[in-house]
Amino acid sequence: MADDKKEKKPIFNPIEWLNNSPVGGWFGGRPWILLIIAVPILAILIFLIVRGINTAARPRKAATLTDGVLKVGIVVGEDRFAYHGNNGLILGIEPTLATRLADTEGLAISLIEIGNQAEGLNMINTGQIDMAMGRYVSGSEILSGFAVSGEYGQSGLYMVSALHDYSTSLELLTGYSVGVMDNVQSTAQTLSNYNFVSARSYNSLPSLGDDIRDLKVSLGIVNERDAITLVNSYPKELQAQAITNSTMEHYVAVFASRQTAQAGLMNAEISLWLDDQTRGE
C-alpha cells in the first residue's frame, strides 16, 4: 500500500531558497539578511500606499484667497436673488448658493456686499474676493477672461415708463425715443421692432430715471433689478412692466479664470439646488 501513498511536496523554505539562488553568496553567505531588510521596506511602502488612498478619498478644501474661507462679493438688489433680512444679513438665492458651495468645500463663508457688477469683477482681479454674484449675465462681454458657473436663474427685460403708460413691447413705438441701459444692450437688440425706435444708451441708472420722469425719453429698457430700483426711487412718477416675449437673461456666478474647478463645483450645487426647488424643498 506504500506505493499508493502520494508523495508529499516539500515545504517552501525561503532561507534555503535564497541559499541556493544566485544571491546565495551575498552578505558572507548569509543572503537571508535580505529578508530582514525587505520586510520594513515593504511595510513602509504599504503604509505610503494606504495613506495615499486615504488622502485621495478625503474631501479637499479649495485653494482660496484666505485659508479656510470662501469670500463672496454680492450685489444686493433687494430682490429674490439678494436682499437684506430683518437682521441685516444678506439673504436670497445667491447667498444660499454661495453658502452651499462653501459647505461642500469645507470652508467658512464671508459675504461681502458690493456696489455693482464692475466692482465685483475688479475685486476678483485684485484678489479681494474668490467669487462674485449679482445677476451677472451669461455670455456678457464683461465676463470675458473669467470662469463662470452654469445658470442659476433667469429673467426677461422690463420697460420703465411714466405712470399710467402700460407699454409692454416696442411694436407700436416706431420712432419713439427709448433709453437703454448699457448692461442690457445686447439683449435689448433682440427685441421685436428695436431697429425702428430711437435708442439712446445710458450707463447711469439715475440719469435714465430722471430722463424718463422729465419725458426726455419715452421709456427705458432695463433688467428686472434696475426696474425695481427705479420704481422705488420714483414711486409717484414711474412704473415698470415686463416686456412681452423678451429674450431671457441667464445669471451665473463669476470666478477668476484659474478657478474652473471651483466653477464646476458650483455647477453641481446649482443642479442640486434646482432639484430641491422642483421638489418644493
Protein backbone atom coordinates (compact mmCIF):
# COMPACT_ATOMS: atom_id res chain seq x y z
CA MET A 1 0.00 0.00 0.00
CA ALA A 2 3.01 2.26 0.37
CA ASP A 3 3.06 2.69 -3.40
CA ASP A 4 -0.45 4.15 -3.22
CA LYS A 5 0.62 6.92 -0.90
CA LYS A 6 1.06 10.26 -2.55
CA GLU A 7 4.47 11.77 -2.33
CA LYS A 8 4.46 14.81 -0.05
CA LYS A 9 5.57 18.09 -1.61
CA PRO A 10 8.44 19.79 0.22
CA ILE A 11 7.53 22.89 2.21
CA PHE A 12 8.89 26.07 0.72
CA ASN A 13 11.77 27.37 2.81
CA PRO A 14 12.65 30.97 1.84
CA ILE A 15 16.09 30.84 3.54
CA GLU A 16 17.03 27.61 1.79
CA TRP A 17 15.75 29.06 -1.48
CA LEU A 18 17.94 32.16 -1.01
CA ASN A 19 21.00 29.99 -0.22
CA ASN A 20 20.53 28.11 -3.50
CA SER A 21 19.72 31.24 -5.51
CA PRO A 22 22.22 33.44 -7.43
CA VAL A 23 22.38 35.71 -4.39
CA GLY A 24 23.36 32.86 -2.11
CA GLY A 25 26.89 34.20 -1.76
CA TRP A 26 25.86 37.69 -0.74
CA PHE A 27 26.47 39.06 2.76
CA GLY A 28 29.14 36.48 3.52
CA GLY A 29 26.89 33.56 2.60
CA ARG A 30 24.02 34.92 4.63
CA PRO A 31 21.51 36.09 1.96
CA TRP A 32 18.67 35.81 4.47
CA ILE A 33 19.74 39.28 5.62
CA LEU A 34 17.83 40.46 2.54
CA LEU A 35 14.61 39.35 4.22
CA ILE A 36 15.42 41.43 7.28
CA ILE A 37 15.97 44.47 5.05
CA ALA A 38 13.00 43.83 2.75
CA VAL A 39 10.32 43.42 5.44
CA PRO A 40 10.49 47.00 6.86
CA ILE A 41 10.82 48.45 3.36
CA LEU A 42 7.70 46.58 2.27
CA ALA A 43 5.85 47.80 5.38
CA ILE A 44 6.79 51.40 4.60
CA LEU A 45 5.60 51.02 1.00
CA ILE A 46 2.28 49.60 2.15
CA PHE A 47 1.88 52.47 4.62
CA LEU A 48 2.55 55.08 1.93
CA ILE A 49 0.09 53.47 -0.48
CA VAL A 50 -2.68 53.29 2.14
CA ARG A 51 -2.08 56.90 3.21
CA GLY A 52 -2.20 57.99 -0.42
CA ILE A 53 -5.53 56.25 -0.93
CA ASN A 54 -6.99 57.79 2.23
CA THR A 55 -5.75 61.25 1.26
CA ALA A 56 -7.27 60.97 -2.20
CA ALA A 57 -10.59 59.88 -0.73
CA ARG A 58 -10.66 62.72 1.80
CA PRO A 59 -12.53 65.90 0.66
CA ARG A 60 -10.06 68.63 -0.14
CA LYS A 61 -10.58 72.25 0.74
CA ALA A 62 -10.40 74.64 -2.19
CA ALA A 63 -7.47 76.97 -2.62
CA THR A 64 -8.94 80.31 -1.57
CA LEU A 65 -7.52 83.77 -1.02
CA THR A 66 -7.88 83.35 2.73
CA ASP A 67 -7.20 79.85 4.08
CA GLY A 68 -10.41 78.11 5.06
CA VAL A 69 -12.69 80.98 3.97
CA LEU A 70 -14.69 81.47 0.77
CA LYS A 71 -15.01 85.23 0.17
CA VAL A 72 -18.04 86.06 -1.96
CA GLY A 73 -18.94 89.51 -3.25
CA ILE A 74 -22.69 90.00 -3.83
CA VAL A 75 -24.58 92.89 -5.43
CA VAL A 76 -27.62 93.27 -3.17
CA GLY A 77 -30.60 94.37 -5.26
CA GLU A 78 -33.32 93.86 -2.65
CA ASP A 79 -34.96 91.20 -4.81
CA ARG A 80 -35.29 87.42 -4.62
CA PHE A 81 -31.66 86.93 -5.67
CA ALA A 82 -30.13 89.00 -2.86
CA TYR A 83 -31.74 91.18 -0.21
CA HIS A 84 -31.25 92.35 3.36
CA GLY A 85 -33.16 90.42 6.00
CA ASN A 86 -34.61 91.99 9.12
CA ASN A 87 -31.38 91.20 10.98
CA GLY A 88 -29.25 92.86 8.28
CA LEU A 89 -27.93 89.57 6.92
CA ILE A 90 -27.80 89.08 3.15
CA LEU A 91 -30.43 86.54 2.12
CA GLY A 92 -31.78 85.18 -1.14
CA ILE A 93 -30.89 82.78 -3.95
CA GLU A 94 -27.31 83.98 -4.42
CA PRO A 95 -26.14 83.83 -0.78
CA THR A 96 -27.87 80.46 -0.43
CA LEU A 97 -25.91 79.01 -3.36
CA ALA A 98 -22.65 80.56 -2.15
CA THR A 99 -23.16 79.03 1.30
CA ARG A 100 -23.87 75.61 -0.19
CA LEU A 101 -20.61 75.79 -2.17
CA ALA A 102 -18.65 76.74 0.95
CA ASP A 103 -20.21 73.88 2.93
CA THR A 104 -19.35 71.37 0.21
CA GLU A 105 -15.73 72.54 0.17
CA GLY A 106 -15.46 72.51 3.96
CA LEU A 107 -14.97 76.29 4.11
CA ALA A 108 -16.35 79.11 6.22
CA ILE A 109 -18.09 81.82 4.19
CA SER A 110 -17.70 85.58 4.16
CA LEU A 111 -20.41 87.50 2.26
CA ILE A 112 -19.24 90.94 1.16
CA GLU A 113 -21.75 93.44 -0.19
CA ILE A 114 -20.53 95.14 -3.38
CA GLY A 115 -21.96 98.18 -5.13
CA ASN A 116 -22.21 96.92 -8.70
CA GLN A 117 -21.06 94.25 -11.13
CA ALA A 118 -17.95 96.12 -12.27
CA GLU A 119 -16.78 96.42 -8.66
CA GLY A 120 -17.19 92.68 -8.17
CA LEU A 121 -15.07 91.83 -11.21
CA ASN A 122 -12.39 94.27 -10.11
CA MET A 123 -12.30 92.69 -6.65
CA ILE A 124 -11.74 89.26 -8.23
CA ASN A 125 -8.89 90.65 -10.34
CA THR A 126 -7.26 92.33 -7.36
CA GLY A 127 -7.55 89.27 -5.12
CA GLN A 128 -10.11 90.65 -2.65
CA ILE A 129 -12.80 88.01 -3.24
CA ASP A 130 -12.94 84.46 -4.58
CA MET A 131 -16.30 84.72 -6.32
CA ALA A 132 -18.84 87.35 -7.38
CA MET A 133 -22.61 87.09 -7.73
CA GLY A 134 -25.09 89.77 -8.69
CA ARG A 135 -27.17 88.63 -11.68
CA TYR A 136 -24.16 88.54 -13.99
CA VAL A 137 -25.45 87.62 -17.45
CA SER A 138 -24.03 84.55 -19.17
CA GLY A 139 -22.26 85.49 -22.40
CA SER A 140 -21.82 89.13 -21.41
CA GLU A 141 -18.69 90.80 -22.79
CA ILE A 142 -17.67 91.94 -19.31
CA LEU A 143 -17.19 88.29 -18.29
CA SER A 144 -14.53 87.63 -20.91
CA GLY A 145 -11.45 86.22 -19.19
CA PHE A 146 -13.35 84.92 -16.14
CA ALA A 147 -14.53 81.43 -15.23
CA VAL A 148 -18.30 81.22 -14.80
CA SER A 149 -20.78 78.72 -13.46
CA GLY A 150 -23.87 77.39 -15.15
CA GLU A 151 -27.17 79.25 -14.96
CA TYR A 152 -28.93 79.53 -11.59
CA GLY A 153 -31.71 81.94 -12.59
CA GLN A 154 -33.18 83.94 -15.42
CA SER A 155 -35.40 86.91 -16.18
CA GLY A 156 -36.64 88.92 -19.11
CA LEU A 157 -36.23 92.68 -19.64
CA TYR A 158 -38.55 95.40 -18.34
CA MET A 159 -39.91 98.69 -19.59
CA VAL A 160 -39.93 101.62 -17.20
CA SER A 161 -42.26 104.45 -18.13
CA ALA A 162 -44.22 107.35 -16.70
CA LEU A 163 -47.24 106.43 -14.56
CA HIS A 164 -50.23 105.06 -16.50
CA ASP A 165 -48.15 104.05 -19.52
CA TYR A 166 -48.56 100.29 -19.69
CA SER A 167 -46.47 99.57 -22.77
CA THR A 168 -45.06 96.02 -22.80
CA SER A 169 -43.46 95.89 -26.26
CA LEU A 170 -41.84 98.09 -28.89
CA GLU A 171 -44.28 97.03 -31.62
CA LEU A 172 -46.30 100.27 -31.60
CA LEU A 173 -43.44 102.59 -30.68
CA THR A 174 -41.76 103.14 -34.07
CA GLY A 175 -39.85 106.41 -33.97
CA TYR A 176 -40.15 106.82 -30.18
CA SER A 177 -37.08 107.69 -28.12
CA VAL A 178 -36.08 104.83 -25.83
CA GLY A 179 -33.37 104.81 -23.18
CA VAL A 180 -31.43 101.54 -22.88
CA MET A 181 -29.10 100.70 -20.01
CA ASP A 182 -25.64 99.56 -21.16
CA ASN A 183 -25.87 96.31 -19.21
CA VAL A 184 -28.83 95.11 -21.33
CA GLN A 185 -27.77 96.45 -24.74
CA SER A 186 -27.10 93.09 -26.38
CA THR A 187 -30.32 91.56 -25.07
CA ALA A 188 -32.43 94.62 -25.93
CA GLN A 189 -31.29 94.48 -29.55
CA THR A 190 -33.12 91.16 -29.94
CA LEU A 191 -36.49 92.75 -29.08
CA SER A 192 -39.02 92.91 -31.87
CA ASN A 193 -39.11 96.36 -33.58
CA TYR A 194 -35.96 97.51 -31.75
CA ASN A 195 -34.41 98.71 -35.03
CA PHE A 196 -37.34 101.08 -35.55
CA VAL A 197 -37.10 103.04 -32.30
CA SER A 198 -34.61 105.78 -31.49
CA ALA A 199 -32.40 104.04 -28.90
CA ARG A 200 -30.21 106.04 -26.55
CA SER A 201 -27.56 104.35 -24.41
CA TYR A 202 -27.23 105.03 -20.65
CA ASN A 203 -24.57 103.93 -18.16
CA SER A 204 -26.18 105.75 -15.22
CA LEU A 205 -29.46 104.43 -13.82
CA PRO A 206 -30.36 107.71 -12.02
CA SER A 207 -29.81 109.63 -15.27
CA LEU A 208 -32.17 107.29 -17.10
CA GLY A 209 -34.76 107.66 -14.34
CA ASP A 210 -34.55 111.46 -14.48
CA ASP A 211 -34.94 111.48 -18.27
CA ILE A 212 -37.97 109.17 -18.19
CA ARG A 213 -39.54 111.34 -15.49
CA ASP A 214 -38.79 114.53 -17.43
CA LEU A 215 -40.05 112.94 -20.70
CA LYS A 216 -36.67 113.34 -22.43
CA VAL A 217 -37.11 109.71 -23.46
CA SER A 218 -40.44 107.93 -23.80
CA LEU A 219 -39.42 104.97 -21.67
CA GLY A 220 -36.43 102.93 -20.55
CA ILE A 221 -35.39 99.33 -21.15
CA VAL A 222 -33.69 97.77 -18.13
CA ASN A 223 -33.29 94.44 -16.34
CA GLU A 224 -35.63 93.41 -13.54
CA ARG A 225 -33.34 94.55 -10.74
CA ASP A 226 -32.88 98.04 -12.22
CA ALA A 227 -36.63 98.28 -12.85
CA ILE A 228 -37.28 97.66 -9.16
CA THR A 229 -34.66 100.25 -8.21
CA LEU A 230 -36.14 102.92 -10.50
CA VAL A 231 -39.72 102.36 -9.34
CA ASN A 232 -38.60 102.53 -5.70
CA SER A 233 -36.61 105.71 -6.43
CA TYR A 234 -39.52 107.42 -8.23
CA PRO A 235 -42.58 105.91 -6.53
CA LYS A 236 -45.01 108.59 -7.65
CA GLU A 237 -43.61 109.10 -11.14
CA LEU A 238 -42.50 105.82 -12.72
CA GLN A 239 -43.84 102.31 -13.19
CA ALA A 240 -42.47 99.11 -14.73
CA GLN A 241 -43.81 96.20 -16.79
CA ALA A 242 -42.19 93.01 -18.06
CA ILE A 243 -41.60 93.15 -21.82
CA THR A 244 -43.71 90.65 -23.74
CA ASN A 245 -41.69 87.80 -25.31
CA SER A 246 -38.41 89.27 -24.11
CA THR A 247 -35.20 87.33 -24.61
CA MET A 248 -34.18 85.99 -21.21
CA GLU A 249 -31.06 86.90 -19.27
CA HIS A 250 -29.30 83.88 -17.72
CA TYR A 251 -27.47 84.51 -14.44
CA VAL A 252 -24.13 82.94 -13.48
CA ALA A 253 -21.57 83.10 -10.67
CA VAL A 254 -18.14 84.50 -11.60
CA PHE A 255 -14.67 83.25 -10.60
CA ALA A 256 -11.08 84.05 -11.52
CA SER A 257 -10.06 82.34 -14.77
CA ARG A 258 -7.87 79.81 -12.90
CA GLN A 259 -10.79 78.62 -10.77
CA THR A 260 -12.56 76.50 -13.38
CA ALA A 261 -12.66 73.56 -10.97
CA GLN A 262 -14.45 75.64 -8.36
CA ALA A 263 -16.91 76.86 -11.01
CA GLY A 264 -17.56 73.20 -11.77
CA LEU A 265 -18.33 72.51 -8.11
CA MET A 266 -20.75 75.42 -8.17
CA ASN A 267 -22.47 73.81 -11.16
CA ALA A 268 -23.09 70.71 -9.06
CA GLU A 269 -24.53 72.79 -6.22
CA ILE A 270 -26.78 74.72 -8.63
CA SER A 271 -28.06 71.45 -10.07
CA LEU A 272 -28.83 70.06 -6.61
CA TRP A 273 -30.49 73.32 -5.56
CA LEU A 274 -32.66 73.38 -8.69
CA ASP A 275 -33.72 69.80 -7.93
CA ASP A 276 -34.68 70.91 -4.42
CA GLN A 277 -36.81 73.73 -5.87
CA THR A 278 -38.56 71.31 -8.19
CA ARG A 279 -39.45 69.13 -5.19
CA GLY A 280 -40.59 72.20 -3.27
CA GLU A 281 -37.90 71.93 -0.59
